[in-house]
PDB file of all heavy atoms in Angstrom:
ATOM      1  N   MET A   1      22.239  69.451 109.698  1.00  0.00           N
ATOM      2  CA  MET A   1      23.078  69.616 110.883  1.00  0.00           C
ATOM      3  C   MET A   1      22.397  69.005 112.116  1.00  0.00           C
ATOM      4  O   MET A   1      23.058  68.393 112.965  1.00  0.00           O
ATOM      5  CB  MET A   1      23.359  71.103 111.128  1.00  0.00           C
ATOM      6  CG  MET A   1      24.217  71.777 110.052  1.00  0.00           C
ATOM      7  SD  MET A   1      25.907  71.105 109.907  1.00  0.00           S
ATOM      8  CE  MET A   1      25.735  70.110 108.401  1.00  0.00           C
ATOM      9  N   ALA A   2      21.077  69.160 112.205  1.00  0.00           N
ATOM     10  CA  ALA A   2      20.344  68.587 113.334  1.00  0.00           C
ATOM     11  C   ALA A   2      20.423  67.062 113.301  1.00  0.00           C
ATOM     12  O   ALA A   2      20.569  66.411 114.346  1.00  0.00           O
ATOM     13  CB  ALA A   2      18.897  69.056 113.305  1.00  0.00           C
ATOM     14  N   GLN A   3      20.335  66.493 112.093  1.00  0.00           N
ATOM     15  CA  GLN A   3      20.460  65.044 111.968  1.00  0.00           C
ATOM     16  C   GLN A   3      21.849  64.564 112.370  1.00  0.00           C
ATOM     17  O   GLN A   3      22.011  63.458 112.889  1.00  0.00           O
ATOM     18  CB  GLN A   3      20.150  64.609 110.525  1.00  0.00           C
ATOM     19  CG  GLN A   3      18.705  64.780 110.115  1.00  0.00           C
ATOM     20  CD  GLN A   3      18.445  64.298 108.689  1.00  0.00           C
ATOM     21  OE1 GLN A   3      19.346  63.761 108.018  1.00  0.00           O
ATOM     22  NE2 GLN A   3      17.220  64.479 108.218  1.00  0.00           N
ATOM     23  N   GLU A   4      22.848  65.403 112.130  1.00  0.00           N
ATOM     24  CA  GLU A   4      24.224  65.050 112.478  1.00  0.00           C
ATOM     25  C   GLU A   4      24.543  65.375 113.931  1.00  0.00           C
ATOM     26  O   GLU A   4      25.631  65.069 114.418  1.00  0.00           O
ATOM     27  CB  GLU A   4      25.202  65.813 111.571  1.00  0.00           C
ATOM     28  CG  GLU A   4      25.129  65.429 110.102  1.00  0.00           C
ATOM     29  CD  GLU A   4      25.682  64.037 109.839  1.00  0.00           C
ATOM     30  OE1 GLU A   4      26.716  63.696 110.439  1.00  0.00           O
ATOM     31  OE2 GLU A   4      25.067  63.299 109.047  1.00  0.00           O
ATOM     32  N   GLY A   5      23.598  66.016 114.625  1.00  0.00           N
ATOM     33  CA  GLY A   5      23.825  66.388 116.013  1.00  0.00           C
ATOM     34  C   GLY A   5      24.826  67.508 116.174  1.00  0.00           C
ATOM     35  O   GLY A   5      25.544  67.587 117.174  1.00  0.00           O
ATOM     36  N   VAL A   6      24.877  68.415 115.181  1.00  0.00           N
ATOM     37  CA  VAL A   6      25.843  69.512 115.176  1.00  0.00           C
ATOM     38  C   VAL A   6      25.122  70.834 115.436  1.00  0.00           C
ATOM     39  O   VAL A   6      24.128  71.155 114.779  1.00  0.00           O
ATOM     40  CB  VAL A   6      26.594  69.578 113.827  1.00  0.00           C
ATOM     41  CG1 VAL A   6      27.518  70.788 113.778  1.00  0.00           C
ATOM     42  CG2 VAL A   6      27.374  68.294 113.588  1.00  0.00           C
ATOM     43  N   SER A   7      25.619  71.607 116.378  1.00  0.00           N
ATOM     44  CA  SER A   7      25.038  72.913 116.684  1.00  0.00           C
ATOM     45  C   SER A   7      25.688  73.991 115.812  1.00  0.00           C
ATOM     46  O   SER A   7      26.911  74.035 115.676  1.00  0.00           O
ATOM     47  CB  SER A   7      25.253  73.259 118.159  1.00  0.00           C
ATOM     48  OG  SER A   7      24.842  74.595 118.423  1.00  0.00           O
ATOM     49  N   VAL A   8      24.858  74.854 115.241  1.00  0.00           N
ATOM     50  CA  VAL A   8      25.365  75.938 114.377  1.00  0.00           C
ATOM     51  C   VAL A   8      25.172  77.295 115.037  1.00  0.00           C
ATOM     52  O   VAL A   8      25.280  78.330 114.388  1.00  0.00           O
ATOM     53  CB  VAL A   8      24.654  75.911 113.006  1.00  0.00           C
ATOM     54  CG1 VAL A   8      24.894  74.592 112.295  1.00  0.00           C
ATOM     55  CG2 VAL A   8      23.150  76.166 113.172  1.00  0.00           C
ATOM     56  N   SER A   9      24.888  77.299 116.327  1.00  0.00           N
ATOM     57  CA  SER A   9      24.546  78.542 117.025  1.00  0.00           C
ATOM     58  C   SER A   9      25.676  79.572 117.014  1.00  0.00           C
ATOM     59  O   SER A   9      25.417  80.774 117.057  1.00  0.00           O
ATOM     60  CB  SER A   9      24.146  78.235 118.472  1.00  0.00           C
ATOM     61  OG  SER A   9      25.195  77.573 119.152  1.00  0.00           O
ATOM     62  N   SER A  10      26.931  79.116 116.933  1.00  0.00           N
ATOM     63  CA  SER A  10      28.054  80.060 116.993  1.00  0.00           C
ATOM     64  C   SER A  10      28.077  81.025 115.815  1.00  0.00           C
ATOM     65  O   SER A  10      28.593  82.136 115.918  1.00  0.00           O
ATOM     66  CB  SER A  10      29.379  79.300 117.066  1.00  0.00           C
ATOM     67  OG  SER A  10      29.562  78.486 115.920  1.00  0.00           O
ATOM     68  N   LEU A  11      27.530  80.600 114.680  1.00  0.00           N
ATOM     69  CA  LEU A  11      27.508  81.474 113.500  1.00  0.00           C
ATOM     70  C   LEU A  11      26.085  81.739 113.013  1.00  0.00           C
ATOM     71  O   LEU A  11      25.885  82.156 111.865  1.00  0.00           O
ATOM     72  CB  LEU A  11      28.331  80.840 112.357  1.00  0.00           C
ATOM     73  CG  LEU A  11      29.833  80.691 112.598  1.00  0.00           C
ATOM     74  CD1 LEU A  11      30.502  80.008 111.406  1.00  0.00           C
ATOM     75  CD2 LEU A  11      30.483  82.044 112.847  1.00  0.00           C
ATOM     76  N   GLN A  12      25.113  81.531 113.890  1.00  0.00           N
ATOM     77  CA  GLN A  12      23.721  81.704 113.482  1.00  0.00           C
ATOM     78  C   GLN A  12      23.425  83.143 113.063  1.00  0.00           C
ATOM     79  O   GLN A  12      22.729  83.387 112.074  1.00  0.00           O
ATOM     80  CB  GLN A  12      22.791  81.282 114.616  1.00  0.00           C
ATOM     81  CG  GLN A  12      21.318  81.283 114.224  1.00  0.00           C
ATOM     82  CD  GLN A  12      20.445  80.675 115.296  1.00  0.00           C
ATOM     83  OE1 GLN A  12      20.931  80.276 116.356  1.00  0.00           O
ATOM     84  NE2 GLN A  12      19.162  80.594 115.041  1.00  0.00           N
ATOM     85  N   ALA A  13      23.976  84.095 113.818  1.00  0.00           N
ATOM     86  CA  ALA A  13      23.729  85.508 113.494  1.00  0.00           C
ATOM     87  C   ALA A  13      24.303  85.861 112.124  1.00  0.00           C
ATOM     88  O   ALA A  13      23.680  86.590 111.339  1.00  0.00           O
ATOM     89  CB  ALA A  13      24.338  86.402 114.567  1.00  0.00           C
ATOM     90  N   ASP A  14      25.501  85.331 111.819  1.00  0.00           N
ATOM     91  CA  ASP A  14      26.107  85.586 110.508  1.00  0.00           C
ATOM     92  C   ASP A  14      25.266  84.980 109.393  1.00  0.00           C
ATOM     93  O   ASP A  14      25.085  85.586 108.326  1.00  0.00           O
ATOM     94  CB  ASP A  14      27.525  85.008 110.465  1.00  0.00           C
ATOM     95  CG  ASP A  14      28.468  85.726 111.409  1.00  0.00           C
ATOM     96  OD1 ASP A  14      28.881  86.847 111.086  1.00  0.00           O
ATOM     97  OD2 ASP A  14      28.784  85.165 112.461  1.00  0.00           O
ATOM     98  N   GLY A  15      24.760  83.776 109.644  1.00  0.00           N
ATOM     99  CA  GLY A  15      23.923  83.125 108.647  1.00  0.00           C
ATOM    100  C   GLY A  15      22.656  83.900 108.359  1.00  0.00           C
ATOM    101  O   GLY A  15      22.267  84.071 107.195  1.00  0.00           O
ATOM    102  N   GLU A  16      22.007  84.396 109.424  1.00  0.00           N
ATOM    103  CA  GLU A  16      20.775  85.168 109.235  1.00  0.00           C
ATOM    104  C   GLU A  16      21.056  86.467 108.497  1.00  0.00           C
ATOM    105  O   GLU A  16      20.267  86.908 107.662  1.00  0.00           O
ATOM    106  CB  GLU A  16      20.140  85.457 110.594  1.00  0.00           C
ATOM    107  CG  GLU A  16      19.589  84.229 111.302  1.00  0.00           C
ATOM    108  CD  GLU A  16      18.543  83.503 110.479  1.00  0.00           C
ATOM    109  OE1 GLU A  16      17.757  84.184 109.785  1.00  0.00           O
ATOM    110  OE2 GLU A  16      18.517  82.266 110.522  1.00  0.00           O
ATOM    111  N   ARG A  17      22.185  87.086 108.793  1.00  0.00           N
ATOM    112  CA  ARG A  17      22.536  88.327 108.114  1.00  0.00           C
ATOM    113  C   ARG A  17      22.745  88.084 106.618  1.00  0.00           C
ATOM    114  O   ARG A  17      22.258  88.862 105.782  1.00  0.00           O
ATOM    115  CB  ARG A  17      23.814  88.917 108.724  1.00  0.00           C
ATOM    116  CG  ARG A  17      24.346  90.148 107.996  1.00  0.00           C
ATOM    117  CD  ARG A  17      25.566  90.709 108.690  1.00  0.00           C
ATOM    118  NE  ARG A  17      26.621  89.710 108.832  1.00  0.00           N
ATOM    119  CZ  ARG A  17      27.458  89.377 107.841  1.00  0.00           C
ATOM    120  NH1 ARG A  17      27.336  89.949 106.644  1.00  0.00           N
ATOM    121  NH2 ARG A  17      28.405  88.484 108.046  1.00  0.00           N
ATOM    122  N   LEU A  18      23.442  87.014 106.280  1.00  0.00           N
ATOM    123  CA  LEU A  18      23.697  86.706 104.870  1.00  0.00           C
ATOM    124  C   LEU A  18      22.409  86.333 104.155  1.00  0.00           C
ATOM    125  O   LEU A  18      22.213  86.697 102.987  1.00  0.00           O
ATOM    126  CB  LEU A  18      24.719  85.577 104.764  1.00  0.00           C
ATOM    127  CG  LEU A  18      26.153  85.941 105.193  1.00  0.00           C
ATOM    128  CD1 LEU A  18      27.029  84.697 105.291  1.00  0.00           C
ATOM    129  CD2 LEU A  18      26.762  86.932 104.205  1.00  0.00           C
ATOM    130  N   ARG A  19      21.536  85.617 104.828  1.00  0.00           N
ATOM    131  CA  ARG A  19      20.233  85.289 104.224  1.00  0.00           C
ATOM    132  C   ARG A  19      19.448  86.565 103.932  1.00  0.00           C
ATOM    133  O   ARG A  19      18.784  86.680 102.901  1.00  0.00           O
ATOM    134  CB  ARG A  19      19.424  84.380 105.146  1.00  0.00           C
ATOM    135  CG  ARG A  19      19.882  82.932 105.176  1.00  0.00           C
ATOM    136  CD  ARG A  19      18.830  82.042 105.842  1.00  0.00           C
ATOM    137  NE  ARG A  19      19.335  80.698 106.024  1.00  0.00           N
ATOM    138  CZ  ARG A  19      19.927  80.264 107.121  1.00  0.00           C
ATOM    139  NH1 ARG A  19      20.103  81.097 108.140  1.00  0.00           N
ATOM    140  NH2 ARG A  19      20.355  79.023 107.222  1.00  0.00           N
ATOM    141  N   GLY A  20      19.532  87.505 104.881  1.00  0.00           N
ATOM    142  CA  GLY A  20      18.838  88.769 104.684  1.00  0.00           C
ATOM    143  C   GLY A  20      19.360  89.542 103.488  1.00  0.00           C
ATOM    144  O   GLY A  20      18.651  90.367 102.918  1.00  0.00           O
ATOM    145  N   GLU A  21      20.592  89.268 103.100  1.00  0.00           N
ATOM    146  CA  GLU A  21      21.192  89.921 101.937  1.00  0.00           C
ATOM    147  C   GLU A  21      20.934  89.131 100.653  1.00  0.00           C
ATOM    148  O   GLU A  21      21.436  89.496  99.592  1.00  0.00           O
ATOM    149  CB  GLU A  21      22.699  90.079 102.163  1.00  0.00           C
ATOM    150  CG  GLU A  21      23.040  91.011 103.323  1.00  0.00           C
ATOM    151  CD  GLU A  21      24.524  91.007 103.663  1.00  0.00           C
ATOM    152  OE1 GLU A  21      25.273  90.234 103.011  1.00  0.00           O
ATOM    153  OE2 GLU A  21      24.931  91.761 104.569  1.00  0.00           O
ATOM    154  N   GLY A  22      20.176  88.024 100.776  1.00  0.00           N
ATOM    155  CA  GLY A  22      19.801  87.256  99.589  1.00  0.00           C
ATOM    156  C   GLY A  22      20.689  86.075  99.273  1.00  0.00           C
ATOM    157  O   GLY A  22      20.563  85.489  98.200  1.00  0.00           O
ATOM    158  N   ALA A  23      21.570  85.696 100.182  1.00  0.00           N
ATOM    159  CA  ALA A  23      22.480  84.576  99.921  1.00  0.00           C
ATOM    160  C   ALA A  23      21.860  83.251 100.351  1.00  0.00           C
ATOM    161  O   ALA A  23      21.001  83.197 101.235  1.00  0.00           O
ATOM    162  CB  ALA A  23      23.799  84.791 100.665  1.00  0.00           C
ATOM    163  N   SER A  24      22.296  82.178  99.693  1.00  0.00           N
ATOM    164  CA  SER A  24      21.940  80.821 100.112  1.00  0.00           C
ATOM    165  C   SER A  24      23.054  80.337 101.036  1.00  0.00           C
ATOM    166  O   SER A  24      24.239  80.450 100.698  1.00  0.00           O
ATOM    167  CB  SER A  24      21.812  79.888  98.903  1.00  0.00           C
ATOM    168  OG  SER A  24      20.753  80.300  98.066  1.00  0.00           O
ATOM    169  N   ILE A  25      22.674  79.811 102.195  1.00  0.00           N
ATOM    170  CA  ILE A  25      23.648  79.430 103.222  1.00  0.00           C
ATOM    171  C   ILE A  25      23.746  77.918 103.340  1.00  0.00           C
ATOM    172  O   ILE A  25      22.725  77.223 103.388  1.00  0.00           O
ATOM    173  CB  ILE A  25      23.266  80.030 104.586  1.00  0.00           C
ATOM    174  CG1 ILE A  25      23.149  81.547 104.485  1.00  0.00           C
ATOM    175  CG2 ILE A  25      24.295  79.649 105.646  1.00  0.00           C
ATOM    176  CD1 ILE A  25      24.408  82.228 104.034  1.00  0.00           C
ATOM    177  N   MET A  26      24.978  77.414 103.399  1.00  0.00           N
ATOM    178  CA  MET A  26      25.236  75.996 103.648  1.00  0.00           C
ATOM    179  C   MET A  26      26.134  75.867 104.860  1.00  0.00           C
ATOM    180  O   MET A  26      27.063  76.658 105.033  1.00  0.00           O
ATOM    181  CB  MET A  26      25.883  75.351 102.424  1.00  0.00           C
ATOM    182  CG  MET A  26      24.905  75.098 101.292  1.00  0.00           C
ATOM    183  SD  MET A  26      25.734  74.922  99.710  1.00  0.00           S
ATOM    184  CE  MET A  26      26.127  76.621  99.359  1.00  0.00           C
ATOM    185  N   HIS A  27      25.850  74.871 105.682  1.00  0.00           N
ATOM    186  CA  HIS A  27      26.628  74.619 106.883  1.00  0.00           C
ATOM    187  C   HIS A  27      27.523  73.401 106.651  1.00  0.00           C
ATOM    188  O   HIS A  27      27.088  72.402 106.066  1.00  0.00           O
ATOM    189  CB  HIS A  27      25.701  74.362 108.079  1.00  0.00           C
ATOM    190  CG  HIS A  27      24.751  75.482 108.349  1.00  0.00           C
ATOM    191  ND1 HIS A  27      23.601  75.676 107.594  1.00  0.00           N
ATOM    192  CD2 HIS A  27      24.771  76.478 109.266  1.00  0.00           C
ATOM    193  CE1 HIS A  27      22.953  76.730 108.055  1.00  0.00           C
ATOM    194  NE2 HIS A  27      23.640  77.240 109.071  1.00  0.00           N
ATOM    195  N   LEU A  28      28.748  73.476 107.141  1.00  0.00           N
ATOM    196  CA  LEU A  28      29.695  72.376 106.984  1.00  0.00           C
ATOM    197  C   LEU A  28      30.048  71.811 108.354  1.00  0.00           C
ATOM    198  O   LEU A  28      30.396  72.565 109.277  1.00  0.00           O
ATOM    199  CB  LEU A  28      30.971  72.859 106.280  1.00  0.00           C
ATOM    200  CG  LEU A  28      32.087  71.820 106.137  1.00  0.00           C
ATOM    201  CD1 LEU A  28      31.664  70.705 105.185  1.00  0.00           C
ATOM    202  CD2 LEU A  28      33.387  72.476 105.660  1.00  0.00           C
TER     203      LEU A  28
END
């Protein structure tokens, strides 16, 4: 996402929560 110049901050909290539950996260 950084290479594409795309900010993921709007769902960063959701991503961290899912990671904490053991999920693998992908950004689109």
